[in-house]
C-alpha atoms as a PDB file:
ATOM      1  CA  MET A   1      -0.068   0.041  -0.137  1.00  0.00           C
ATOM      2  CA  ALA A   2       2.758   2.525   0.757  1.00  0.00           C
ATOM      3  CA  ALA A   3       4.283   1.816  -2.507  1.00  0.00           C
ATOM      4  CA  ALA A   4       1.048   3.061  -3.978  1.00  0.00           C
ATOM      5  CA  ILE A   5       0.927   6.797  -2.675  1.00  0.00           C
ATOM      6  CA  THR A   6       1.681   9.486  -4.781  1.00  0.00           C
ATOM      7  CA  PRO A   7       1.812  13.050  -4.614  1.00  0.00           C
ATOM      8  CA  ARG A   8      -1.741  12.967  -5.521  1.00  0.00           C
ATOM      9  CA  THR A   9      -3.003  10.852  -2.264  1.00  0.00           C
ATOM     10  CA  ARG A  10      -4.518  12.674   0.176  1.00  0.00           C
ATOM     11  CA  GLN A  11      -6.150  10.128   2.500  1.00  0.00           C
ATOM     12  CA  ILE A  12      -5.809   6.811   3.522  1.00  0.00           C
ATOM     13  CA  PHE A  13      -7.925   4.342   5.800  1.00  0.00           C
ATOM     14  CA  ILE A  14      -6.616   1.332   7.225  1.00  0.00           C
ATOM     15  CA  ALA A  15      -9.368  -0.609   9.629  1.00  0.00           C
ATOM     16  CA  ASN A  16      -7.530  -2.872  11.807  1.00  0.00           C
ATOM     17  CA  PRO A  17      -8.777  -5.237  12.496  1.00  0.00           C
ATOM     18  CA  ASN A  18     -10.493  -5.143   9.287  1.00  0.00           C
ATOM     19  CA  ASN A  19     -13.751  -6.002   8.465  1.00  0.00           C
ATOM     20  CA  PRO A  20     -15.301  -8.272   7.338  1.00  0.00           C
ATOM     21  CA  THR A  21     -11.865 -10.529   7.231  1.00  0.00           C
ATOM     22  CA  GLY A  22     -11.242  -9.928  10.741  1.00  0.00           C
ATOM     23  CA  THR A  23      -7.300 -10.116  10.047  1.00  0.00           C
ATOM     24  CA  LEU A  24      -4.699  -7.558  12.185  1.00  0.00           C
ATOM     25  CA  CYS A  25      -1.867  -5.374  10.666  1.00  0.00           C
ATOM     26  CA  HIS A  26       0.496  -5.584  13.646  1.00  0.00           C
ATOM     27  CA  GLN A  27       2.179  -3.216  15.389  1.00  0.00           C
ATOM     28  CA  GLU A  28       5.253  -3.963  13.681  1.00  0.00           C
ATOM     29  CA  GLU A  29       3.469  -3.405  10.069  1.00  0.00           C
ATOM     30  CA  ILE A  30       2.009  -0.579  11.307  1.00  0.00           C
ATOM     31  CA  ASP A  31       5.395   1.231  11.920  1.00  0.00           C
ATOM     32  CA  ARG A  32       6.875  -0.081   8.609  1.00  0.00           C
ATOM     33  CA  PHE A  33       4.064   1.545   6.839  1.00  0.00           C
ATOM     34  CA  MET A  34       4.088   5.070   8.705  1.00  0.00           C
ATOM     35  CA  ALA A  35       7.679   5.385   8.497  1.00  0.00           C
ATOM     36  CA  LYS A  36       6.851   5.484   4.677  1.00  0.00           C
ATOM     37  CA  VAL A  37       3.909   7.869   4.994  1.00  0.00           C
ATOM     38  CA  PRO A  38       5.101  11.035   3.573  1.00  0.00           C
ATOM     39  CA  ASP A  39       3.828  14.325   5.394  1.00  0.00           C
ATOM     40  CA  HIS A  40       1.044  15.354   3.365  1.00  0.00           C
ATOM     41  CA  VAL A  41      -1.354  12.049   3.301  1.00  0.00           C
ATOM     42  CA  ILE A  42      -3.563  11.663   6.560  1.00  0.00           C
ATOM     43  CA  VAL A  43      -3.677   8.369   7.628  1.00  0.00           C
ATOM     44  CA  ILE A  44      -7.263   7.102   9.558  1.00  0.00           C
ATOM     45  CA  PHE A  45      -7.163   4.477  11.217  1.00  0.00           C
ATOM     46  CA  ASP A  46     -10.883   2.707  12.001  1.00  0.00           C
ATOM     47  CA  GLU A  47     -10.205   0.835  15.046  1.00  0.00           C
ATOM     48  CA  ALA A  48     -13.997  -0.176  15.858  1.00  0.00           C
ATOM     49  CA  TYR A  49     -12.683  -3.507  17.239  1.00  0.00           C
ATOM     50  CA  TYR A  50      -9.289  -2.495  19.124  1.00  0.00           C
ATOM     51  CA  GLU A  51     -11.255  -3.402  22.331  1.00  0.00           C
ATOM     52  CA  PHE A  52     -11.232  -7.070  21.498  1.00  0.00           C
ATOM     53  CA  LEU A  53      -7.292  -7.106  20.675  1.00  0.00           C
ATOM     54  CA  GLU A  54      -5.361  -8.873  23.326  1.00  0.00           C
ATOM     55  CA  GLU A  55      -2.497  -6.814  22.814  1.00  0.00           C
ATOM     56  CA  PRO A  56      -3.940  -3.736  22.120  1.00  0.00           C
ATOM     57  CA  LEU A  57      -1.915  -1.401  19.242  1.00  0.00           C
ATOM     58  CA  ASP A  58      -0.124   1.972  19.475  1.00  0.00           C
ATOM     59  CA  THR A  59      -1.398   4.458  17.079  1.00  0.00           C
ATOM     60  CA  ILE A  60      -2.091   7.148  19.324  1.00  0.00           C
ATOM     61  CA  LYS A  61       1.732   7.711  19.566  1.00  0.00           C
ATOM     62  CA  PHE A  62       1.062   9.284  16.019  1.00  0.00           C
ATOM     63  CA  VAL A  63      -1.206  11.508  17.149  1.00  0.00           C
ATOM     64  CA  ARG A  64       1.525  12.975  19.594  1.00  0.00           C
ATOM     65  CA  GLU A  65       4.427  13.005  17.381  1.00  0.00           C
ATOM     66  CA  GLY A  66       2.298  15.745  15.316  1.00  0.00           C
ATOM     67  CA  ARG A  67       1.324  13.233  12.398  1.00  0.00           C
ATOM     68  CA  ASN A  68      -0.990  13.643  10.514  1.00  0.00           C
ATOM     69  CA  VAL A  69      -3.130  11.027  11.827  1.00  0.00           C
ATOM     70  CA  VAL A  70      -6.714  10.571  12.585  1.00  0.00           C
ATOM     71  CA  ILE A  71      -7.869   6.906  14.874  1.00  0.00           C
ATOM     72  CA  MET A  72     -11.541   6.653  14.926  1.00  0.00           C
ATOM     73  CA  ARG A  73     -13.314   4.204  17.947  1.00  0.00           C
ATOM     74  CA  THR A  74     -16.618   3.221  18.897  1.00  0.00           C
ATOM     75  CA  PHE A  75     -19.200   2.307  21.538  1.00  0.00           C
ATOM     76  CA  SER A  76     -21.076  -0.061  19.356  1.00  0.00           C
ATOM     77  CA  LYS A  77     -19.011  -3.476  19.967  1.00  0.00           C
ATOM     78  CA  ILE A  78     -17.249  -4.036  23.556  1.00  0.00           C
ATOM     79  CA  GLN A  79     -19.497  -1.761  25.101  1.00  0.00           C
ATOM     80  CA  GLY A  80     -22.201  -2.703  23.368  1.00  0.00           C
ATOM     81  CA  LEU A  81     -24.137   0.647  22.966  1.00  0.00           C
ATOM     82  CA  ALA A  82     -24.653   0.471  18.808  1.00  0.00           C
ATOM     83  CA  SER A  83     -27.903   2.164  19.620  1.00  0.00           C
ATOM     84  CA  LEU A  84     -26.967   5.421  21.018  1.00  0.00           C
ATOM     85  CA  ARG A  85     -24.607   5.550  17.734  1.00  0.00           C
ATOM     86  CA  ILE A  86     -21.636   7.419  19.700  1.00  0.00           C
ATOM     87  CA  GLY A  87     -17.728   6.744  18.991  1.00  0.00           C
ATOM     88  CA  TYR A  88     -15.026   9.468  19.462  1.00  0.00           C
ATOM     89  CA  GLY A  89     -11.891  10.025  17.314  1.00  0.00           C
ATOM     90  CA  ILE A  90      -8.319  10.935  18.443  1.00  0.00           C
ATOM     91  CA  ALA A  91      -6.262  13.089  16.629  1.00  0.00           C
ATOM     92  CA  PRO A  92      -3.739  16.179  16.624  1.00  0.00           C
ATOM     93  CA  ALA A  93      -5.755  19.566  17.308  1.00  0.00           C
ATOM     94  CA  ARG A  94      -5.413  21.035  13.721  1.00  0.00           C
ATOM     95  CA  LEU A  95      -7.566  17.964  12.003  1.00  0.00           C
ATOM     96  CA  ALA A  96      -9.835  17.973  15.189  1.00  0.00           C
ATOM     97  CA  GLU A  97     -10.496  21.762  14.253  1.00  0.00           C
ATOM     98  CA  ILE A  98     -11.260  20.846  10.888  1.00  0.00           C
ATOM     99  CA  LEU A  99     -13.518  18.380  11.826  1.00  0.00           C
ATOM    100  CA  GLN A 100     -15.596  20.591  14.554  1.00  0.00           C
ATOM    101  CA  LYS A 101     -16.047  22.815  11.829  1.00  0.00           C
ATOM    102  CA  THR A 102     -17.771  20.247   9.822  1.00  0.00           C
ATOM    103  CA  ARG A 103     -19.929  18.355  12.187  1.00  0.00           C
ATOM    104  CA  GLN A 104     -23.671  18.462  13.075  1.00  0.00           C
ATOM    105  CA  PRO A 105     -24.679  20.049  15.969  1.00  0.00           C
ATOM    106  CA  PHE A 106     -25.794  18.072  18.866  1.00  0.00           C
ATOM    107  CA  ASN A 107     -24.671  15.072  16.941  1.00  0.00           C
ATOM    108  CA  ALA A 108     -24.484  13.585  20.423  1.00  0.00           C
ATOM    109  CA  ASN A 109     -27.328  13.450  22.552  1.00  0.00           C
ATOM    110  CA  ALA A 110     -26.807  13.480  26.683  1.00  0.00           C
ATOM    111  CA  ILE A 111     -28.006  10.049  27.198  1.00  0.00           C
ATOM    112  CA  ALA A 112     -25.299   8.783  24.488  1.00  0.00           C
ATOM    113  CA  GLN A 113     -22.607  10.810  26.097  1.00  0.00           C
ATOM    114  CA  ALA A 114     -23.403   9.176  29.624  1.00  0.00           C
ATOM    115  CA  GLY A 115     -23.833   6.078  28.529  1.00  0.00           C
ATOM    116  CA  ALA A 116     -20.767   6.359  26.612  1.00  0.00           C
ATOM    117  CA  LEU A 117     -18.829   7.775  29.741  1.00  0.00           C
ATOM    118  CA  ALA A 118     -19.985   4.770  31.900  1.00  0.00           C
ATOM    119  CA  GLY A 119     -19.310   1.974  29.357  1.00  0.00           C
ATOM    120  CA  LEU A 120     -15.503   3.716  28.637  1.00  0.00           C
ATOM    121  CA  LEU A 121     -14.839   3.528  32.652  1.00  0.00           C
ATOM    122  CA  ASP A 122     -16.956  -0.306  33.102  1.00  0.00           C
ATOM    123  CA  GLU A 123     -13.447  -2.248  32.900  1.00  0.00           C
ATOM    124  CA  GLU A 124     -15.296  -5.068  34.307  1.00  0.00           C
ATOM    125  CA  HIS A 125     -17.782  -5.314  31.365  1.00  0.00           C
ATOM    126  CA  GLN A 126     -14.881  -4.589  28.949  1.00  0.00           C
ATOM    127  CA  ASP A 127     -13.059  -8.029  30.245  1.00  0.00           C
ATOM    128  CA  LYS A 128     -16.083 -10.442  30.471  1.00  0.00           C
ATOM    129  CA  THR A 129     -17.513  -9.142  26.951  1.00  0.00           C
ATOM    130  CA  ARG A 130     -13.481 -10.421  25.593  1.00  0.00           C
ATOM    131  CA  ALA A 131     -13.472 -13.173  27.477  1.00  0.00           C
ATOM    132  CA  VAL A 132     -16.759 -14.487  26.281  1.00  0.00           C
ATOM    133  CA  ASN A 133     -15.437 -13.445  22.748  1.00  0.00           C
ATOM    134  CA  LYS A 134     -12.534 -15.412  22.644  1.00  0.00           C
ATOM    135  CA  GLU A 135     -14.191 -18.332  23.909  1.00  0.00           C
ATOM    136  CA  GLY A 136     -17.125 -17.919  21.021  1.00  0.00           C
ATOM    137  CA  ARG A 137     -14.384 -17.219  18.426  1.00  0.00           C
ATOM    138  CA  LEU A 138     -12.286 -20.229  19.194  1.00  0.00           C
ATOM    139  CA  PHE A 139     -15.881 -22.097  19.518  1.00  0.00           C
ATOM    140  CA  LEU A 140     -16.734 -21.056  15.673  1.00  0.00           C
ATOM    141  CA  GLU A 141     -13.499 -21.423  14.414  1.00  0.00           C
ATOM    142  CA  GLY A 142     -13.055 -24.900  15.544  1.00  0.00           C
ATOM    143  CA  LEU A 143     -16.214 -25.240  13.797  1.00  0.00           C
ATOM    144  CA  PHE A 144     -15.531 -24.514  10.977  1.00  0.00           C
ATOM    145  CA  ALA A 145     -12.419 -26.197  10.770  1.00  0.00           C
ATOM    146  CA  GLU A 146     -14.440 -29.674  11.847  1.00  0.00           C
ATOM    147  CA  LEU A 147     -16.675 -29.507   9.239  1.00  0.00           C
ATOM    148  CA  ASN A 148     -13.608 -28.358   6.445  1.00  0.00           C
ATOM    149  CA  LEU A 149     -14.824 -25.091   5.698  1.00  0.00           C
ATOM    150  CA  GLU A 150     -12.539 -22.305   4.837  1.00  0.00           C
ATOM    151  CA  TYR A 151     -12.081 -19.325   7.093  1.00  0.00           C
ATOM    152  CA  VAL A 152      -9.938 -16.170   7.865  1.00  0.00           C
ATOM    153  CA  PRO A 153      -8.702 -16.748  11.669  1.00  0.00           C
ATOM    154  CA  SER A 154     -10.218 -13.269  13.126  1.00  0.00           C
ATOM    155  CA  HIS A 155      -9.511 -10.650  15.457  1.00  0.00           C
ATOM    156  CA  ALA A 156     -12.636  -9.161  16.046  1.00  0.00           C
ATOM    157  CA  ASN A 157     -15.838 -10.567  17.178  1.00  0.00           C
ATOM    158  CA  PHE A 158     -16.761 -12.043  14.052  1.00  0.00           C
ATOM    159  CA  VAL A 159     -16.064 -14.734  11.814  1.00  0.00           C
ATOM    160  CA  LEU A 160     -15.155 -14.516   8.223  1.00  0.00           C
ATOM    161  CA  ALA A 161     -16.615 -18.167   6.288  1.00  0.00           C
ATOM    162  CA  LYS A 162     -16.606 -19.771   3.157  1.00  0.00           C
ATOM    163  CA  VAL A 163     -19.692 -21.976   3.084  1.00  0.00           C
ATOM    164  CA  GLY A 164     -20.643 -22.275  -0.725  1.00  0.00           C
ATOM    165  CA  ASP A 165     -23.299 -20.462  -0.831  1.00  0.00           C
ATOM    166  CA  GLY A 166     -23.398 -17.532   1.133  1.00  0.00           C
ATOM    167  CA  ASP A 167     -27.087 -16.628   0.077  1.00  0.00           C
ATOM    168  CA  ALA A 168     -28.150 -19.722   0.239  1.00  0.00           C
ATOM    169  CA  LEU A 169     -27.204 -20.256   4.163  1.00  0.00           C
ATOM    170  CA  PHE A 170     -28.409 -17.097   4.987  1.00  0.00           C
ATOM    171  CA  HIS A 171     -32.242 -17.557   4.036  1.00  0.00           C
ATOM    172  CA  TYR A 172     -31.753 -21.426   5.667  1.00  0.00           C
ATOM    173  CA  ALA A 173     -30.451 -19.732   9.134  1.00  0.00           C
ATOM    174  CA  MET A 174     -32.955 -17.366   9.245  1.00  0.00           C
ATOM    175  CA  LYS A 175     -35.749 -19.717   9.055  1.00  0.00           C
ATOM    176  CA  LYS A 176     -33.976 -21.405  11.937  1.00  0.00           C
ATOM    177  CA  GLY A 177     -33.991 -18.177  13.756  1.00  0.00           C
ATOM    178  CA  VAL A 178     -30.155 -17.484  13.403  1.00  0.00           C
ATOM    179  CA  ILE A 179     -29.238 -14.036  11.626  1.00  0.00           C
ATOM    180  CA  LEU A 180     -25.974 -14.356   9.365  1.00  0.00           C
ATOM    181  CA  ARG A 181     -24.653 -11.463   6.968  1.00  0.00           C
ATOM    182  CA  ALA A 182     -24.263 -12.975   3.233  1.00  0.00           C
ATOM    183  CA  MET A 183     -20.794 -11.549   1.806  1.00  0.00           C
ATOM    184  CA  ARG A 184     -22.085 -11.207  -2.107  1.00  0.00           C
ATOM    185  CA  ALA A 185     -22.283  -7.151  -1.223  1.00  0.00           C
ATOM    186  CA  TYR A 186     -18.451  -7.347  -0.800  1.00  0.00           C
ATOM    187  CA  GLY A 187     -17.775  -9.336  -3.676  1.00  0.00           C
ATOM    188  CA  LEU A 188     -17.841 -12.954  -1.823  1.00  0.00           C
ATOM    189  CA  PRO A 189     -20.628 -14.801  -3.098  1.00  0.00           C
ATOM    190  CA  ASP A 190     -19.367 -17.886  -1.187  1.00  0.00           C
ATOM    191  CA  TRP A 191     -19.056 -16.486   2.526  1.00  0.00           C
ATOM    192  CA  ILE A 192     -20.925 -15.285   5.206  1.00  0.00           C
ATOM    193  CA  ARG A 193     -19.701 -13.659   8.291  1.00  0.00           C
ATOM    194  CA  ILE A 194     -21.021 -14.722  11.820  1.00  0.00           C
ATOM    195  CA  SER A 195     -20.798 -12.565  14.540  1.00  0.00           C
ATOM    196  CA  VAL A 196     -19.592 -14.333  17.650  1.00  0.00           C
ATOM    197  CA  GLY A 197     -22.963 -14.671  20.495  1.00  0.00           C
ATOM    198  CA  THR A 198     -23.494 -16.531  23.995  1.00  0.00           C
ATOM    199  CA  MET A 199     -22.423 -19.743  23.762  1.00  0.00           C
ATOM    200  CA  PRO A 200     -25.869 -20.738  23.901  1.00  0.00           C
ATOM    201  CA  GLN A 201     -26.451 -18.660  20.544  1.00  0.00           C
ATOM    202  CA  ASN A 202     -23.122 -20.568  19.317  1.00  0.00           C
ATOM    203  CA  ARG A 203     -24.113 -23.605  20.033  1.00  0.00           C
ATOM    204  CA  LYS A 204     -27.350 -23.022  18.232  1.00  0.00           C
ATOM    205  CA  PHE A 205     -25.540 -21.972  15.000  1.00  0.00           C
ATOM    206  CA  ALA A 206     -23.412 -24.609  15.084  1.00  0.00           C
ATOM    207  CA  GLY A 207     -26.514 -26.891  14.398  1.00  0.00           C
ATOM    208  CA  VAL A 208     -28.556 -25.185  12.006  1.00  0.00           C
ATOM    209  CA  LEU A 209     -24.937 -25.187  10.384  1.00  0.00           C
ATOM    210  CA  ARG A 210     -24.086 -28.938  10.905  1.00  0.00           C
ATOM    211  CA  GLU A 211     -27.923 -29.885   9.044  1.00  0.00           C
ATOM    212  CA  TRP A 212     -27.088 -26.793   6.385  1.00  0.00           C
ATOM    213  CA  VAL A 213     -23.977 -28.453   5.285  1.00  0.00           C
ATOM    214  CA  ALA A 214     -25.754 -32.323   5.761  1.00  0.00           C
ATOM    215  CA  THR A 215     -28.197 -31.346   3.428  1.00  0.00           C
ATOM    216  CA  ARG A 216     -25.984 -30.309   0.764  1.00  0.00           C
ATOM    217  CA  GLY A 217     -24.099 -33.412   0.506  1.00  0.00           C
END
């Protein structure tokens, strides 16, 4: 990606961990990349799944160094506050001032702000969610391996798997009370993305998937 930068490049977006693959650019890779990024380019790190990492990355150091970096995070994932539609950004003051000029007034209501602050301070909940997610993620990856289905090892709260016909499995699972995401819109018609749930939810999906695989011979 660094080799693709030209004088016309203005912004680079890096989702890390990535959606929908769950893959991760490790610290060493990020450091090498940032060493090659010229000063005129703004790098935006989308870190929606940052809190699920067992070894958190340090991209804030680039902000402290005064680099043209914006870090975006959300309360929709590990804090479970998706309905409040709230997140936050970390950036040098000069970039934050530009964003301030373009944001909508009253874009975060008082209830959302109170919930976000409580979620940020509730480390016990985050630790519990991280542990539940790890157990479920390993269960799902083991399930796909058991059924000889290709999958992408994940660092987020979902797993991407190749099932042969994502749309067909989506409709089959819906009838069984399980919601997953078919990946045709991402150019991956053979794949699905399944979010990690509680273990009873994960086991229900496992039963549905085994049934579906059996029907396909």
